[in-house]
Amino acid sequence: MNEYQDKIKKYDLFNATGNYNTVAFVEKVLGLAGEAGETADKVKKVLRDKDGIIDEHDKLEIAKELGDVLWYVASIARYLNVSLDEVARLNLEKLEGRRQRNLLHGEGDNR
């Protein structure tokens, strides 16, 4: 994941790193929201138009959108000087803590 995060720098039109107090950083956060929405929209259309049956074309198109989501997540983390490996590790620790406390269901970040 860290190699991916390093390789995508050349696709950042702002080409900035380590500065989250910029238009470039906010653009990445807004881009993430947009790409997540596009991913959801593709799934919605499968539900609406295809009775929820995802074919190989749908899988490919959804995977492409997930790639865009990944690009924005990796870029946001880079602006924060956090590696994707660290993001993944922190997420696994959080989820494991919830599982051990039987709190996978429910609401709130700190359950």
PDB file of N, CA and C in Angstrom:
ATOM      1  N   MET A   1       0.822  -1.198   0.000  1.00  0.00           N
ATOM      2  CA  MET A   1       0.000   0.000   0.000  1.00  0.00           C
ATOM      3  C   MET A   1       0.867   1.263   0.000  1.00  0.00           C
ATOM      4  N   ASN A   2       1.957   1.220   0.736  1.00  0.00           N
ATOM      5  CA  ASN A   2       2.817   2.398   0.760  1.00  0.00           C
ATOM      6  C   ASN A   2       3.439   2.664  -0.605  1.00  0.00           C
ATOM      7  N   GLU A   3       3.759   1.591  -1.347  1.00  0.00           N
ATOM      8  CA  GLU A   3       4.306   1.757  -2.690  1.00  0.00           C
ATOM      9  C   GLU A   3       3.269   2.425  -3.597  1.00  0.00           C
ATOM     10  N   TYR A   4       2.021   1.977  -3.498  1.00  0.00           N
ATOM     11  CA  TYR A   4       0.941   2.607  -4.261  1.00  0.00           C
ATOM     12  C   TYR A   4       0.852   4.086  -3.906  1.00  0.00           C
ATOM     13  N   GLN A   5       0.872   4.374  -2.611  1.00  0.00           N
ATOM     14  CA  GLN A   5       0.748   5.754  -2.139  1.00  0.00           C
ATOM     15  C   GLN A   5       1.880   6.621  -2.686  1.00  0.00           C
ATOM     16  N   ASP A   6       3.049   6.064  -2.789  1.00  0.00           N
ATOM     17  CA  ASP A   6       4.179   6.814  -3.326  1.00  0.00           C
ATOM     18  C   ASP A   6       4.035   7.030  -4.839  1.00  0.00           C
ATOM     19  N   LYS A   7       3.588   6.009  -5.549  1.00  0.00           N
ATOM     20  CA  LYS A   7       3.485   6.088  -7.006  1.00  0.00           C
ATOM     21  C   LYS A   7       2.407   7.059  -7.485  1.00  0.00           C
ATOM     22  N   ILE A   8       1.369   7.269  -6.703  1.00  0.00           N
ATOM     23  CA  ILE A   8       0.270   8.119  -7.169  1.00  0.00           C
ATOM     24  C   ILE A   8       0.565   9.607  -7.062  1.00  0.00           C
ATOM     25  N   LYS A   9       1.651   9.976  -6.416  1.00  0.00           N
ATOM     26  CA  LYS A   9       1.981  11.405  -6.267  1.00  0.00           C
ATOM     27  C   LYS A   9       2.003  12.132  -7.606  1.00  0.00           C
ATOM     28  N   LYS A  10       2.459  11.466  -8.635  1.00  0.00           N
ATOM     29  CA  LYS A  10       2.601  12.130  -9.936  1.00  0.00           C
ATOM     30  C   LYS A  10       1.255  12.471 -10.567  1.00  0.00           C
ATOM     31  N   TYR A  11       0.160  11.936 -10.028  1.00  0.00           N
ATOM     32  CA  TYR A  11      -1.163  12.232 -10.577  1.00  0.00           C
ATOM     33  C   TYR A  11      -1.882  13.337  -9.809  1.00  0.00           C
ATOM     34  N   ASP A  12      -1.233  13.880  -8.810  1.00  0.00           N
ATOM     35  CA  ASP A  12      -1.808  14.966  -8.017  1.00  0.00           C
ATOM     36  C   ASP A  12      -1.521  16.285  -8.735  1.00  0.00           C
ATOM     37  N   LEU A  13      -2.557  16.911  -9.252  1.00  0.00           N
ATOM     38  CA  LEU A  13      -2.375  18.152  -9.999  1.00  0.00           C
ATOM     39  C   LEU A  13      -1.778  19.267  -9.148  1.00  0.00           C
ATOM     40  N   PHE A  14      -2.021  19.212  -7.842  1.00  0.00           N
ATOM     41  CA  PHE A  14      -1.453  20.223  -6.947  1.00  0.00           C
ATOM     42  C   PHE A  14      -0.023  19.878  -6.561  1.00  0.00           C
ATOM     43  N   ASN A  15       0.297  18.588  -6.619  1.00  0.00           N
ATOM     44  CA  ASN A  15       1.633  18.095  -6.311  1.00  0.00           C
ATOM     45  C   ASN A  15       2.170  18.619  -4.982  1.00  0.00           C
ATOM     46  N   ALA A  16       1.328  18.633  -3.994  1.00  0.00           N
ATOM     47  CA  ALA A  16       1.736  19.087  -2.668  1.00  0.00           C
ATOM     48  C   ALA A  16       1.687  17.911  -1.701  1.00  0.00           C
ATOM     49  N   THR A  17       2.487  17.978  -0.673  1.00  0.00           N
ATOM     50  CA  THR A  17       2.462  16.943   0.364  1.00  0.00           C
ATOM     51  C   THR A  17       2.644  17.591   1.716  1.00  0.00           C
ATOM     52  N   GLY A  18       2.145  16.918   2.715  1.00  0.00           N
ATOM     53  CA  GLY A  18       2.404  17.321   4.077  1.00  0.00           C
ATOM     54  C   GLY A  18       1.767  18.623   4.499  1.00  0.00           C
ATOM     55  N   ASN A  19       0.827  19.133   3.729  1.00  0.00           N
ATOM     56  CA  ASN A  19       0.192  20.378   4.112  1.00  0.00           C
ATOM     57  C   ASN A  19      -1.313  20.212   3.964  1.00  0.00           C
ATOM     58  N   TYR A  20      -1.975  20.045   5.083  1.00  0.00           N
ATOM     59  CA  TYR A  20      -3.422  19.822   5.065  1.00  0.00           C
ATOM     60  C   TYR A  20      -4.198  21.112   5.247  1.00  0.00           C
ATOM     61  N   ASN A  21      -3.528  22.234   5.290  1.00  0.00           N
ATOM     62  CA  ASN A  21      -4.190  23.524   5.429  1.00  0.00           C
ATOM     63  C   ASN A  21      -4.174  24.248   4.087  1.00  0.00           C
ATOM     64  N   THR A  22      -4.581  23.531   3.034  1.00  0.00           N
ATOM     65  CA  THR A  22      -4.515  24.091   1.692  1.00  0.00           C
ATOM     66  C   THR A  22      -5.770  23.713   0.900  1.00  0.00           C
ATOM     67  N   VAL A  23      -5.951  24.416  -0.184  1.00  0.00           N
ATOM     68  CA  VAL A  23      -7.022  24.078  -1.114  1.00  0.00           C
ATOM     69  C   VAL A  23      -6.800  22.669  -1.655  1.00  0.00           C
ATOM     70  N   ALA A  24      -5.556  22.294  -1.877  1.00  0.00           N
ATOM     71  CA  ALA A  24      -5.242  20.967  -2.410  1.00  0.00           C
ATOM     72  C   ALA A  24      -5.776  19.864  -1.505  1.00  0.00           C
ATOM     73  N   PHE A  25      -5.611  20.021  -0.203  1.00  0.00           N
ATOM     74  CA  PHE A  25      -6.104  19.019   0.745  1.00  0.00           C
ATOM     75  C   PHE A  25      -7.626  18.961   0.730  1.00  0.00           C
ATOM     76  N   VAL A  26      -8.266  20.100   0.770  1.00  0.00           N
ATOM     77  CA  VAL A  26      -9.733  20.139   0.764  1.00  0.00           C
ATOM     78  C   VAL A  26     -10.261  19.544  -0.534  1.00  0.00           C
ATOM     79  N   GLU A  27      -9.583  19.808  -1.647  1.00  0.00           N
ATOM     80  CA  GLU A  27      -9.982  19.222  -2.924  1.00  0.00           C
ATOM     81  C   GLU A  27      -9.966  17.704  -2.856  1.00  0.00           C
ATOM     82  N   LYS A  28      -8.996  17.140  -2.156  1.00  0.00           N
ATOM     83  CA  LYS A  28      -8.917  15.676  -2.012  1.00  0.00           C
ATOM     84  C   LYS A  28     -10.082  15.152  -1.172  1.00  0.00           C
ATOM     85  N   VAL A  29     -10.404  15.834  -0.091  1.00  0.00           N
ATOM     86  CA  VAL A  29     -11.514  15.393   0.766  1.00  0.00           C
ATOM     87  C   VAL A  29     -12.831  15.445  -0.005  1.00  0.00           C
ATOM     88  N   LEU A  30     -13.051  16.521  -0.736  1.00  0.00           N
ATOM     89  CA  LEU A  30     -14.272  16.637  -1.540  1.00  0.00           C
ATOM     90  C   LEU A  30     -14.289  15.604  -2.660  1.00  0.00           C
ATOM     91  N   GLY A  31     -13.138  15.333  -3.250  1.00  0.00           N
ATOM     92  CA  GLY A  31     -13.046  14.310  -4.284  1.00  0.00           C
ATOM     93  C   GLY A  31     -13.406  12.936  -3.755  1.00  0.00           C
ATOM     94  N   LEU A  32     -12.969  12.640  -2.534  1.00  0.00           N
ATOM     95  CA  LEU A  32     -13.316  11.358  -1.912  1.00  0.00           C
ATOM     96  C   LEU A  32     -14.820  11.215  -1.767  1.00  0.00           C
ATOM     97  N   ALA A  33     -15.461  12.268  -1.302  1.00  0.00           N
ATOM     98  CA  ALA A  33     -16.923  12.227  -1.160  1.00  0.00           C
ATOM     99  C   ALA A  33     -17.593  12.007  -2.510  1.00  0.00           C
ATOM    100  N   GLY A  34     -17.094  12.674  -3.536  1.00  0.00           N
ATOM    101  CA  GLY A  34     -17.665  12.525  -4.866  1.00  0.00           C
ATOM    102  C   GLY A  34     -17.498  11.119  -5.415  1.00  0.00           C
ATOM    103  N   GLU A  35     -16.320  10.551  -5.275  1.00  0.00           N
ATOM    104  CA  GLU A  35     -16.069   9.202  -5.792  1.00  0.00           C
ATOM    105  C   GLU A  35     -16.837   8.149  -5.001  1.00  0.00           C
ATOM    106  N   ALA A  36     -16.969   8.344  -3.703  1.00  0.00           N
ATOM    107  CA  ALA A  36     -17.796   7.419  -2.911  1.00  0.00           C
ATOM    108  C   ALA A  36     -19.239   7.482  -3.393  1.00  0.00           C
ATOM    109  N   GLY A  37     -19.701   8.681  -3.716  1.00  0.00           N
ATOM    110  CA  GLY A  37     -21.043   8.853  -4.252  1.00  0.00           C
ATOM    111  C   GLY A  37     -21.208   8.174  -5.600  1.00  0.00           C
ATOM    112  N   GLU A  38     -20.192   8.280  -6.449  1.00  0.00           N
ATOM    113  CA  GLU A  38     -20.260   7.618  -7.754  1.00  0.00           C
ATOM    114  C   GLU A  38     -20.299   6.098  -7.595  1.00  0.00           C
ATOM    115  N   THR A  39     -19.555   5.578  -6.631  1.00  0.00           N
ATOM    116  CA  THR A  39     -19.585   4.146  -6.350  1.00  0.00           C
ATOM    117  C   THR A  39     -20.979   3.727  -5.903  1.00  0.00           C
ATOM    118  N   ALA A  40     -21.539   4.476  -4.978  1.00  0.00           N
ATOM    119  CA  ALA A  40     -22.888   4.176  -4.490  1.00  0.00           C
ATOM    120  C   ALA A  40     -23.907   4.274  -5.612  1.00  0.00           C
ATOM    121  N   ASP A  41     -23.739   5.230  -6.497  1.00  0.00           N
ATOM    122  CA  ASP A  41     -24.681   5.413  -7.596  1.00  0.00           C
ATOM    123  C   ASP A  41     -24.667   4.213  -8.544  1.00  0.00           C
ATOM    124  N   LYS A  42     -23.489   3.668  -8.797  1.00  0.00           N
ATOM    125  CA  LYS A  42     -23.408   2.479  -9.663  1.00  0.00           C
ATOM    126  C   LYS A  42     -24.139   1.304  -9.022  1.00  0.00           C
ATOM    127  N   VAL A  43     -23.975   1.120  -7.727  1.00  0.00           N
ATOM    128  CA  VAL A  43     -24.674   0.037  -7.026  1.00  0.00           C
ATOM    129  C   VAL A  43     -26.178   0.300  -7.025  1.00  0.00           C
ATOM    130  N   LYS A  44     -26.572   1.550  -6.808  1.00  0.00           N
ATOM    131  CA  LYS A  44     -28.001   1.910  -6.827  1.00  0.00           C
ATOM    132  C   LYS A  44     -28.633   1.545  -8.163  1.00  0.00           C
ATOM    133  N   LYS A  45     -27.929   1.842  -9.250  1.00  0.00           N
ATOM    134  CA  LYS A  45     -28.480   1.555 -10.575  1.00  0.00           C
ATOM    135  C   LYS A  45     -28.608   0.055 -10.818  1.00  0.00           C
ATOM    136  N   VAL A  46     -27.701  -0.735 -10.257  1.00  0.00           N
ATOM    137  CA  VAL A  46     -27.828  -2.189 -10.358  1.00  0.00           C
ATOM    138  C   VAL A  46     -29.081  -2.648  -9.607  1.00  0.00           C
ATOM    139  N   LEU A  47     -29.302  -2.086  -8.433  1.00  0.00           N
ATOM    140  CA  LEU A  47     -30.505  -2.431  -7.670  1.00  0.00           C
ATOM    141  C   LEU A  47     -31.770  -2.015  -8.412  1.00  0.00           C
ATOM    142  N   ARG A  48     -31.752  -0.810  -8.945  1.00  0.00           N
ATOM    143  CA  ARG A  48     -32.923  -0.253  -9.603  1.00  0.00           C
ATOM    144  C   ARG A  48     -33.205  -0.897 -10.957  1.00  0.00           C
ATOM    145  N   ASP A  49     -32.159  -1.081 -11.754  1.00  0.00           N
ATOM    146  CA  ASP A  49     -32.347  -1.470 -13.146  1.00  0.00           C
ATOM    147  C   ASP A  49     -32.124  -2.955 -13.429  1.00  0.00           C
ATOM    148  N   LYS A  50     -31.435  -3.644 -12.523  1.00  0.00           N
ATOM    149  CA  LYS A  50     -31.061  -5.033 -12.800  1.00  0.00           C
ATOM    150  C   LYS A  50     -31.450  -5.982 -11.674  1.00  0.00           C
ATOM    151  N   ASP A  51     -32.416  -5.578 -10.864  1.00  0.00           N
ATOM    152  CA  ASP A  51     -32.876  -6.409  -9.744  1.00  0.00           C
ATOM    153  C   ASP A  51     -31.741  -6.837  -8.825  1.00  0.00           C
ATOM    154  N   GLY A  52     -30.708  -6.000  -8.722  1.00  0.00           N
ATOM    155  CA  GLY A  52     -29.605  -6.281  -7.813  1.00  0.00           C
ATOM    156  C   GLY A  52     -28.599  -7.295  -8.318  1.00  0.00           C
ATOM    157  N   ILE A  53     -28.697  -7.677  -9.572  1.00  0.00           N
ATOM    158  CA  ILE A  53     -27.772  -8.660 -10.145  1.00  0.00           C
ATOM    159  C   ILE A  53     -26.568  -7.921 -10.720  1.00  0.00           C
ATOM    160  N   ILE A  54     -25.405  -8.152 -10.150  1.00  0.00           N
ATOM    161  CA  ILE A  54     -24.168  -7.507 -10.599  1.00  0.00           C
ATOM    162  C   ILE A  54     -23.467  -8.428 -11.582  1.00  0.00           C
ATOM    163  N   ASP A  55     -23.328  -7.974 -12.824  1.00  0.00           N
ATOM    164  CA  ASP A  55     -22.624  -8.773 -13.830  1.00  0.00           C
ATOM    165  C   ASP A  55     -21.149  -8.347 -13.879  1.00  0.00           C
ATOM    166  N   GLU A  56     -20.393  -8.979 -14.760  1.00  0.00           N
ATOM    167  CA  GLU A  56     -18.958  -8.707 -14.847  1.00  0.00           C
ATOM    168  C   GLU A  56     -18.676  -7.253 -15.226  1.00  0.00           C
ATOM    169  N   HIS A  57     -19.479  -6.685 -16.100  1.00  0.00           N
ATOM    170  CA  HIS A  57     -19.305  -5.278 -16.469  1.00  0.00           C
ATOM    171  C   HIS A  57     -19.521  -4.373 -15.249  1.00  0.00           C
ATOM    172  N   ASP A  58     -20.570  -4.659 -14.483  1.00  0.00           N
ATOM    173  CA  ASP A  58     -20.842  -3.865 -13.280  1.00  0.00           C
ATOM    174  C   ASP A  58     -19.682  -3.978 -12.291  1.00  0.00           C
ATOM    175  N   LYS A  59     -19.161  -5.194 -12.108  1.00  0.00           N
ATOM    176  CA  LYS A  59     -18.024  -5.394 -11.193  1.00  0.00           C
ATOM    177  C   LYS A  59     -16.840  -4.539 -11.614  1.00  0.00           C
ATOM    178  N   LEU A  60     -16.565  -4.533 -12.917  1.00  0.00           N
ATOM    179  CA  LEU A  60     -15.441  -3.748 -13.428  1.00  0.00           C
ATOM    180  C   LEU A  60     -15.654  -2.261 -13.190  1.00  0.00           C
ATOM    181  N   GLU A  61     -16.849  -1.764 -13.471  1.00  0.00           N
ATOM    182  CA  GLU A  61     -17.133  -0.341 -13.297  1.00  0.00           C
ATOM    183  C   GLU A  61     -17.097   0.063 -11.822  1.00  0.00           C
ATOM    184  N   ILE A  62     -17.612  -0.780 -10.955  1.00  0.00           N
ATOM    185  CA  ILE A  62     -17.568  -0.499  -9.514  1.00  0.00           C
ATOM    186  C   ILE A  62     -16.121  -0.547  -9.029  1.00  0.00           C
ATOM    187  N   ALA A  63     -15.348  -1.513  -9.517  1.00  0.00           N
ATOM    188  CA  ALA A  63     -13.935  -1.606  -9.140  1.00  0.00           C
ATOM    189  C   ALA A  63     -13.166  -0.358  -9.558  1.00  0.00           C
ATOM    190  N   LYS A  64     -13.477   0.180 -10.737  1.00  0.00           N
ATOM    191  CA  LYS A  64     -12.820   1.418 -11.184  1.00  0.00           C
ATOM    192  C   LYS A  64     -13.142   2.568 -10.238  1.00  0.00           C
ATOM    193  N   GLU A  65     -14.384   2.663  -9.816  1.00  0.00           N
ATOM    194  CA  GLU A  65     -14.759   3.716  -8.865  1.00  0.00           C
ATOM    195  C   GLU A  65     -14.054   3.508  -7.527  1.00  0.00           C
ATOM    196  N   LEU A  66     -13.946   2.255  -7.090  1.00  0.00           N
ATOM    197  CA  LEU A  66     -13.224   1.978  -5.850  1.00  0.00           C
ATOM    198  C   LEU A  66     -11.757   2.375  -5.975  1.00  0.00           C
ATOM    199  N   GLY A  67     -11.200   2.229  -7.158  1.00  0.00           N
ATOM    200  CA  GLY A  67      -9.832   2.692  -7.387  1.00  0.00           C
ATOM    201  C   GLY A  67      -9.720   4.192  -7.208  1.00  0.00           C
ATOM    202  N   ASP A  68     -10.723   4.928  -7.682  1.00  0.00           N
ATOM    203  CA  ASP A  68     -10.730   6.378  -7.481  1.00  0.00           C
ATOM    204  C   ASP A  68     -10.853   6.721  -5.999  1.00  0.00           C
ATOM    205  N   VAL A  69     -11.692   5.973  -5.282  1.00  0.00           N
ATOM    206  CA  VAL A  69     -11.823   6.172  -3.829  1.00  0.00           C
ATOM    207  C   VAL A  69     -10.467   5.931  -3.164  1.00  0.00           C
ATOM    208  N   LEU A  70      -9.805   4.844  -3.559  1.00  0.00           N
ATOM    209  CA  LEU A  70      -8.495   4.522  -2.989  1.00  0.00           C
ATOM    210  C   LEU A  70      -7.488   5.633  -3.258  1.00  0.00           C
ATOM    211  N   TRP A  71      -7.505   6.192  -4.477  1.00  0.00           N
ATOM    212  CA  TRP A  71      -6.579   7.268  -4.809  1.00  0.00           C
ATOM    213  C   TRP A  71      -6.763   8.453  -3.859  1.00  0.00           C
ATOM    214  N   TYR A  72      -8.020   8.824  -3.631  1.00  0.00           N
ATOM    215  CA  TYR A  72      -8.280   9.955  -2.737  1.00  0.00           C
ATOM    216  C   TYR A  72      -7.909   9.638  -1.297  1.00  0.00           C
ATOM    217  N   VAL A  73      -8.214   8.440  -0.830  1.00  0.00           N
ATOM    218  CA  VAL A  73      -7.830   8.051   0.539  1.00  0.00           C
ATOM    219  C   VAL A  73      -6.310   8.112   0.683  1.00  0.00           C
ATOM    220  N   ALA A  74      -5.607   7.547  -0.278  1.00  0.00           N
ATOM    221  CA  ALA A  74      -4.142   7.554  -0.223  1.00  0.00           C
ATOM    222  C   ALA A  74      -3.589   8.972  -0.274  1.00  0.00           C
ATOM    223  N   SER A  75      -4.188   9.818  -1.083  1.00  0.00           N
ATOM    224  CA  SER A  75      -3.726  11.201  -1.189  1.00  0.00           C
ATOM    225  C   SER A  75      -3.984  11.984   0.092  1.00  0.00           C
ATOM    226  N   ILE A  76      -5.164  11.812   0.657  1.00  0.00           N
ATOM    227  CA  ILE A  76      -5.480  12.493   1.922  1.00  0.00           C
ATOM    228  C   ILE A  76      -4.500  12.060   2.999  1.00  0.00           C
ATOM    229  N   ALA A  77      -4.254  10.775   3.087  1.00  0.00           N
ATOM    230  CA  ALA A  77      -3.297  10.281   4.086  1.00  0.00           C
ATOM    231  C   ALA A  77      -1.910  10.871   3.841  1.00  0.00           C
ATOM    232  N   ARG A  78      -1.523  10.963   2.573  1.00  0.00           N
ATOM    233  CA  ARG A  78      -0.209  11.538   2.240  1.00  0.00           C
ATOM    234  C   ARG A  78      -0.111  12.991   2.688  1.00  0.00           C
ATOM    235  N   TYR A  79      -1.176  13.745   2.476  1.00  0.00           N
ATOM    236  CA  TYR A  79      -1.175  15.146   2.925  1.00  0.00           C
ATOM    237  C   TYR A  79      -1.049  15.242   4.443  1.00  0.00           C
ATOM    238  N   LEU A  80      -1.546  14.219   5.130  1.00  0.00           N
ATOM    239  CA  LEU A  80      -1.447  14.190   6.594  1.00  0.00           C
ATOM    240  C   LEU A  80      -0.147  13.555   7.078  1.00  0.00           C
ATOM    241  N   ASN A  81       0.707  13.157   6.123  1.00  0.00           N
ATOM    242  CA  ASN A  81       1.957  12.453   6.453  1.00  0.00           C
ATOM    243  C   ASN A  81       1.691  11.158   7.206  1.00  0.00           C
ATOM    244  N   VAL A  82       0.671  10.432   6.759  1.00  0.00           N
ATOM    245  CA  VAL A  82       0.331   9.136   7.337  1.00  0.00           C
ATOM    246  C   VAL A  82       0.364   8.119   6.199  1.00  0.00           C
ATOM    247  N   SER A  83       1.028   7.009   6.418  1.00  0.00           N
ATOM    248  CA  SER A  83       1.096   5.988   5.379  1.00  0.00           C
ATOM    249  C   SER A  83      -0.206   5.194   5.323  1.00  0.00           C
ATOM    250  N   LEU A  84      -0.479   4.628   4.157  1.00  0.00           N
ATOM    251  CA  LEU A  84      -1.654   3.763   4.028  1.00  0.00           C
ATOM    252  C   LEU A  84      -1.519   2.530   4.909  1.00  0.00           C
ATOM    253  N   ASP A  85      -0.304   2.029   5.064  1.00  0.00           N
ATOM    254  CA  ASP A  85      -0.097   0.903   5.984  1.00  0.00           C
ATOM    255  C   ASP A  85      -0.527   1.281   7.397  1.00  0.00           C
ATOM    256  N   GLU A  86      -0.217   2.490   7.819  1.00  0.00           N
ATOM    257  CA  GLU A  86      -0.610   2.955   9.142  1.00  0.00           C
ATOM    258  C   GLU A  86      -2.131   3.102   9.233  1.00  0.00           C
ATOM    259  N   VAL A  87      -2.749   3.637   8.201  1.00  0.00           N
ATOM    260  CA  VAL A  87      -4.209   3.765   8.177  1.00  0.00           C
ATOM    261  C   VAL A  87      -4.843   2.388   8.334  1.00  0.00           C
ATOM    262  N   ALA A  88      -4.338   1.411   7.571  1.00  0.00           N
ATOM    263  CA  ALA A  88      -4.886   0.055   7.630  1.00  0.00           C
ATOM    264  C   ALA A  88      -4.660  -0.569   9.010  1.00  0.00           C
ATOM    265  N   ARG A  89      -3.466  -0.387   9.570  1.00  0.00           N
ATOM    266  CA  ARG A  89      -3.162  -0.945  10.888  1.00  0.00           C
ATOM    267  C   ARG A  89      -4.087  -0.362  11.949  1.00  0.00           C
ATOM    268  N   LEU A  90      -4.262   0.940  11.940  1.00  0.00           N
ATOM    269  CA  LEU A  90      -5.135   1.587  12.920  1.00  0.00           C
ATOM    270  C   LEU A  90      -6.575   1.102  12.788  1.00  0.00           C
ATOM    271  N   ASN A  91      -7.024   0.916  11.551  1.00  0.00           N
ATOM    272  CA  ASN A  91      -8.383   0.443  11.332  1.00  0.00           C
ATOM    273  C   ASN A  91      -8.557  -0.982  11.853  1.00  0.00           C
ATOM    274  N   LEU A  92      -7.592  -1.857  11.584  1.00  0.00           N
ATOM    275  CA  LEU A  92      -7.673  -3.230  12.086  1.00  0.00           C
ATOM    276  C   LEU A  92      -7.671  -3.261  13.609  1.00  0.00           C
ATOM    277  N   GLU A  93      -6.848  -2.428  14.232  1.00  0.00           N
ATOM    278  CA  GLU A  93      -6.825  -2.372  15.705  1.00  0.00           C
ATOM    279  C   GLU A  93      -8.173  -1.914  16.249  1.00  0.00           C
ATOM    280  N   LYS A  94      -8.768  -0.915  15.623  1.00  0.00           N
ATOM    281  CA  LYS A  94     -10.073  -0.422  16.051  1.00  0.00           C
ATOM    282  C   LYS A  94     -11.129  -1.509  15.924  1.00  0.00           C
ATOM    283  N   LEU A  95     -11.144  -2.174  14.776  1.00  0.00           N
ATOM    284  CA  LEU A  95     -12.144  -3.222  14.550  1.00  0.00           C
ATOM    285  C   LEU A  95     -11.955  -4.406  15.486  1.00  0.00           C
ATOM    286  N   GLU A  96     -10.713  -4.786  15.716  1.00  0.00           N
ATOM    287  CA  GLU A  96     -10.455  -5.900  16.628  1.00  0.00           C
ATOM    288  C   GLU A  96     -10.880  -5.552  18.049  1.00  0.00           C
ATOM    289  N   GLY A  97     -10.628  -4.323  18.463  1.00  0.00           N
ATOM    290  CA  GLY A  97     -11.080  -3.896  19.792  1.00  0.00           C
ATOM    291  C   GLY A  97     -12.599  -3.974  19.915  1.00  0.00           C
ATOM    292  N   ARG A  98     -13.299  -3.551  18.877  1.00  0.00           N
ATOM    293  CA  ARG A  98     -14.761  -3.634  18.887  1.00  0.00           C
ATOM    294  C   ARG A  98     -15.223  -5.090  18.917  1.00  0.00           C
ATOM    295  N   ARG A  99     -14.558  -5.936  18.129  1.00  0.00           N
ATOM    296  CA  ARG A  99     -14.941  -7.347  18.102  1.00  0.00           C
ATOM    297  C   ARG A  99     -14.753  -7.985  19.465  1.00  0.00           C
ATOM    298  N   GLN A 100     -13.622  -7.705  20.104  1.00  0.00           N
ATOM    299  CA  GLN A 100     -13.343  -8.279  21.418  1.00  0.00           C
ATOM    300  C   GLN A 100     -14.342  -7.808  22.466  1.00  0.00           C
ATOM    301  N   ARG A 101     -14.850  -6.602  22.322  1.00  0.00           N
ATOM    302  CA  ARG A 101     -15.842  -6.075  23.272  1.00  0.00           C
ATOM    303  C   ARG A 101     -17.269  -6.329  22.801  1.00  0.00           C
ATOM    304  N   ASN A 102     -17.414  -7.092  21.713  1.00  0.00           N
ATOM    305  CA  ASN A 102     -18.717  -7.417  21.132  1.00  0.00           C
ATOM    306  C   ASN A 102     -19.480  -6.138  20.762  1.00  0.00           C
ATOM    307  N   LEU A 103     -18.771  -5.195  20.144  1.00  0.00           N
ATOM    308  CA  LEU A 103     -19.365  -3.910  19.775  1.00  0.00           C
ATOM    309  C   LEU A 103     -19.267  -3.629  18.280  1.00  0.00           C
ATOM    310  N   LEU A 104     -19.253  -4.677  17.459  1.00  0.00           N
ATOM    311  CA  LEU A 104     -19.217  -4.439  16.020  1.00  0.00           C
ATOM    312  C   LEU A 104     -20.508  -3.792  15.536  1.00  0.00           C
ATOM    313  N   HIS A 105     -21.612  -4.091  16.215  1.00  0.00           N
ATOM    314  CA  HIS A 105     -22.887  -3.423  15.907  1.00  0.00           C
ATOM    315  C   HIS A 105     -22.959  -2.147  16.723  1.00  0.00           C
ATOM    316  N   GLY A 106     -23.760  -1.207  16.283  1.00  0.00           N
ATOM    317  CA  GLY A 106     -23.945   0.009  17.062  1.00  0.00           C
ATOM    318  C   GLY A 106     -23.474   1.226  16.313  1.00  0.00           C
ATOM    319  N   GLU A 107     -23.378   2.329  17.025  1.00  0.00           N
ATOM    320  CA  GLU A 107     -23.012   3.591  16.421  1.00  0.00           C
ATOM    321  C   GLU A 107     -21.860   4.244  17.176  1.00  0.00           C
ATOM    322  N   GLY A 108     -21.217   5.182  16.522  1.00  0.00           N
ATOM    323  CA  GLY A 108     -20.170   5.972  17.161  1.00  0.00           C
ATOM    324  C   GLY A 108     -18.787   5.452  16.862  1.00  0.00           C
ATOM    325  N   ASP A 109     -17.850   6.346  16.726  1.00  0.00           N
ATOM    326  CA  ASP A 109     -16.469   5.970  16.430  1.00  0.00           C
ATOM    327  C   ASP A 109     -15.791   5.269  17.587  1.00  0.00           C
ATOM    328  N   ASN A 110     -16.107   5.658  18.804  1.00  0.00           N
ATOM    329  CA  ASN A 110     -15.383   5.169  19.972  1.00  0.00           C
ATOM    330  C   ASN A 110     -16.188   4.177  20.794  1.00  0.00           C
ATOM    331  N   ARG A 111     -16.893   3.284  20.108  1.00  0.00           N
ATOM    332  CA  ARG A 111     -17.671   2.275  20.851  1.00  0.00           C
ATOM    333  C   ARG A 111     -16.816   1.095  21.224  1.00  0.00           C
TER     334      ARG A 111
END
